[in-house]
Amino acid sequence: MSAIYGSDALRRLRAQQEARIAAPECQPSLLEQVPPDAPMDDATLTVWNGARFVAYDRWLATAPIQRDDAPAKPEHPTEAGRIAIQELTP
């Protein structure tokens, strides 16, 4: 059994397929932004800093570290241990 589509639905489907092909969903590789003749320190492990490859040890010593502060801890009620249970009298 084959499905029957109207010409409008087929036109919309083809437009969607062309839009997916024209605009790729993934971003281009960051490696493509590094020039092939980029300067490099003489080291086994290097890190790209945006201008050159620097030795990992030197990069570790100079790289700024950014961290997010820990989320605030939820405050617990201070009276939690003193909850009084009242007896219901009939």
C-alpha atoms as a PDB file:
ATOM      1  CA  MET A   1       0.000   0.000   0.000  1.00  0.00           C
ATOM      2  CA  SER A   2       1.507   3.318  -0.983  1.00  0.00           C
ATOM      3  CA  ALA A   3       0.805   6.674   0.561  1.00  0.00           C
ATOM      4  CA  ILE A   4      -0.650   9.400  -1.614  1.00  0.00           C
ATOM      5  CA  TYR A   5       0.725  12.901  -1.048  1.00  0.00           C
ATOM      6  CA  GLY A   6      -0.592  16.135  -2.412  1.00  0.00           C
ATOM      7  CA  SER A   7       1.620  18.408  -4.459  1.00  0.00           C
ATOM      8  CA  ASP A   8       1.743  20.980  -1.640  1.00  0.00           C
ATOM      9  CA  ALA A   9       3.001  18.394   0.859  1.00  0.00           C
ATOM     10  CA  LEU A  10       5.608  17.175  -1.626  1.00  0.00           C
ATOM     11  CA  ARG A  11       6.755  20.746  -2.272  1.00  0.00           C
ATOM     12  CA  ARG A  12       7.120  21.413   1.487  1.00  0.00           C
ATOM     13  CA  LEU A  13       9.061  18.156   1.955  1.00  0.00           C
ATOM     14  CA  ARG A  14      11.501  19.029  -0.816  1.00  0.00           C
ATOM     15  CA  ALA A  15      11.964  22.555   0.580  1.00  0.00           C
ATOM     16  CA  GLN A  16      12.762  21.108   4.027  1.00  0.00           C
ATOM     17  CA  GLN A  17      15.267  18.662   2.546  1.00  0.00           C
ATOM     18  CA  GLU A  18      16.997  21.435   0.582  1.00  0.00           C
ATOM     19  CA  ALA A  19      17.162  23.624   3.693  1.00  0.00           C
ATOM     20  CA  ARG A  20      18.880  20.804   5.631  1.00  0.00           C
ATOM     21  CA  ILE A  21      21.442  20.349   2.867  1.00  0.00           C
ATOM     22  CA  ALA A  22      22.085  24.102   2.514  1.00  0.00           C
ATOM     23  CA  ALA A  23      22.564  24.750   6.257  1.00  0.00           C
ATOM     24  CA  PRO A  24      24.605  22.034   7.999  1.00  0.00           C
ATOM     25  CA  GLU A  25      23.705  21.500  11.643  1.00  0.00           C
ATOM     26  CA  CYS A  26      27.266  21.126  12.927  1.00  0.00           C
ATOM     27  CA  GLN A  27      29.824  23.892  13.283  1.00  0.00           C
ATOM     28  CA  PRO A  28      33.059  23.717  11.291  1.00  0.00           C
ATOM     29  CA  SER A  29      36.100  22.163  12.900  1.00  0.00           C
ATOM     30  CA  LEU A  30      38.215  24.439  15.077  1.00  0.00           C
ATOM     31  CA  LEU A  31      41.306  22.745  13.659  1.00  0.00           C
ATOM     32  CA  GLU A  32      40.590  24.430  10.330  1.00  0.00           C
ATOM     33  CA  GLN A  33      41.219  27.791  12.014  1.00  0.00           C
ATOM     34  CA  VAL A  34      44.818  26.885  12.939  1.00  0.00           C
ATOM     35  CA  PRO A  35      47.271  27.959  10.217  1.00  0.00           C
ATOM     36  CA  PRO A  36      49.480  25.134   8.887  1.00  0.00           C
ATOM     37  CA  ASP A  37      52.679  27.124   9.563  1.00  0.00           C
ATOM     38  CA  ALA A  38      51.757  28.204  13.112  1.00  0.00           C
ATOM     39  CA  PRO A  39      54.708  28.813  15.461  1.00  0.00           C
ATOM     40  CA  MET A  40      55.316  26.096  18.031  1.00  0.00           C
ATOM     41  CA  ASP A  41      57.406  25.644  21.178  1.00  0.00           C
ATOM     42  CA  ASP A  42      59.852  22.741  21.223  1.00  0.00           C
ATOM     43  CA  ALA A  43      57.917  20.412  23.530  1.00  0.00           C
ATOM     44  CA  THR A  44      56.211  17.036  23.407  1.00  0.00           C
ATOM     45  CA  LEU A  45      52.843  18.324  24.574  1.00  0.00           C
ATOM     46  CA  THR A  46      51.650  21.662  23.284  1.00  0.00           C
ATOM     47  CA  VAL A  47      48.451  23.682  23.588  1.00  0.00           C
ATOM     48  CA  TRP A  48      46.984  26.084  21.027  1.00  0.00           C
ATOM     49  CA  ASN A  49      46.468  29.474  22.698  1.00  0.00           C
ATOM     50  CA  GLY A  50      44.959  31.212  19.697  1.00  0.00           C
ATOM     51  CA  ALA A  51      48.251  32.553  18.338  1.00  0.00           C
ATOM     52  CA  ARG A  52      50.784  29.738  18.689  1.00  0.00           C
ATOM     53  CA  PHE A  53      51.354  26.291  20.166  1.00  0.00           C
ATOM     54  CA  VAL A  54      52.888  26.716  23.632  1.00  0.00           C
ATOM     55  CA  ALA A  55      54.394  24.055  25.889  1.00  0.00           C
ATOM     56  CA  TYR A  56      51.752  22.489  28.129  1.00  0.00           C
ATOM     57  CA  ASP A  57      53.755  23.121  31.321  1.00  0.00           C
ATOM     58  CA  ARG A  58      54.147  26.807  30.511  1.00  0.00           C
ATOM     59  CA  TRP A  59      50.494  27.073  29.505  1.00  0.00           C
ATOM     60  CA  LEU A  60      49.401  25.495  32.801  1.00  0.00           C
ATOM     61  CA  ALA A  61      51.427  28.021  34.757  1.00  0.00           C
ATOM     62  CA  THR A  62      50.035  31.036  32.911  1.00  0.00           C
ATOM     63  CA  ALA A  63      46.523  30.047  31.888  1.00  0.00           C
ATOM     64  CA  PRO A  64      43.786  31.777  33.855  1.00  0.00           C
ATOM     65  CA  ILE A  65      41.364  29.408  35.486  1.00  0.00           C
ATOM     66  CA  GLN A  66      37.701  30.179  35.386  1.00  0.00           C
ATOM     67  CA  ARG A  67      35.295  28.321  37.563  1.00  0.00           C
ATOM     68  CA  ASP A  68      31.677  28.671  38.408  1.00  0.00           C
ATOM     69  CA  ASP A  69      30.812  29.181  42.027  1.00  0.00           C
ATOM     70  CA  ALA A  70      29.090  26.278  43.653  1.00  0.00           C
ATOM     71  CA  PRO A  71      25.343  26.697  43.799  1.00  0.00           C
ATOM     72  CA  ALA A  72      24.022  27.986  47.082  1.00  0.00           C
ATOM     73  CA  LYS A  73      23.171  25.201  49.458  1.00  0.00           C
ATOM     74  CA  PRO A  74      19.491  25.014  50.259  1.00  0.00           C
ATOM     75  CA  GLU A  75      18.745  26.420  53.641  1.00  0.00           C
ATOM     76  CA  HIS A  76      17.157  23.948  55.994  1.00  0.00           C
ATOM     77  CA  PRO A  77      14.722  25.173  58.569  1.00  0.00           C
ATOM     78  CA  THR A  78      16.515  25.698  61.870  1.00  0.00           C
ATOM     79  CA  GLU A  79      13.481  24.598  63.831  1.00  0.00           C
ATOM     80  CA  ALA A  80      13.322  21.188  62.142  1.00  0.00           C
ATOM     81  CA  GLY A  81      14.381  19.351  65.302  1.00  0.00           C
ATOM     82  CA  ARG A  82      11.827  21.138  67.471  1.00  0.00           C
ATOM     83  CA  ILE A  83       8.605  20.286  65.743  1.00  0.00           C
ATOM     84  CA  ALA A  84       5.985  19.775  68.415  1.00  0.00           C
ATOM     85  CA  ILE A  85       3.313  17.214  67.835  1.00  0.00           C
ATOM     86  CA  GLN A  86       0.035  18.269  69.320  1.00  0.00           C
ATOM     87  CA  GLU A  87      -2.367  15.615  70.419  1.00  0.00           C
ATOM     88  CA  LEU A  88      -5.851  15.933  69.172  1.00  0.00           C
ATOM     89  CA  THR A  89      -8.421  15.660  71.911  1.00  0.00           C
ATOM     90  CA  PRO A  90     -11.790  14.231  70.931  1.00  0.00           C
END
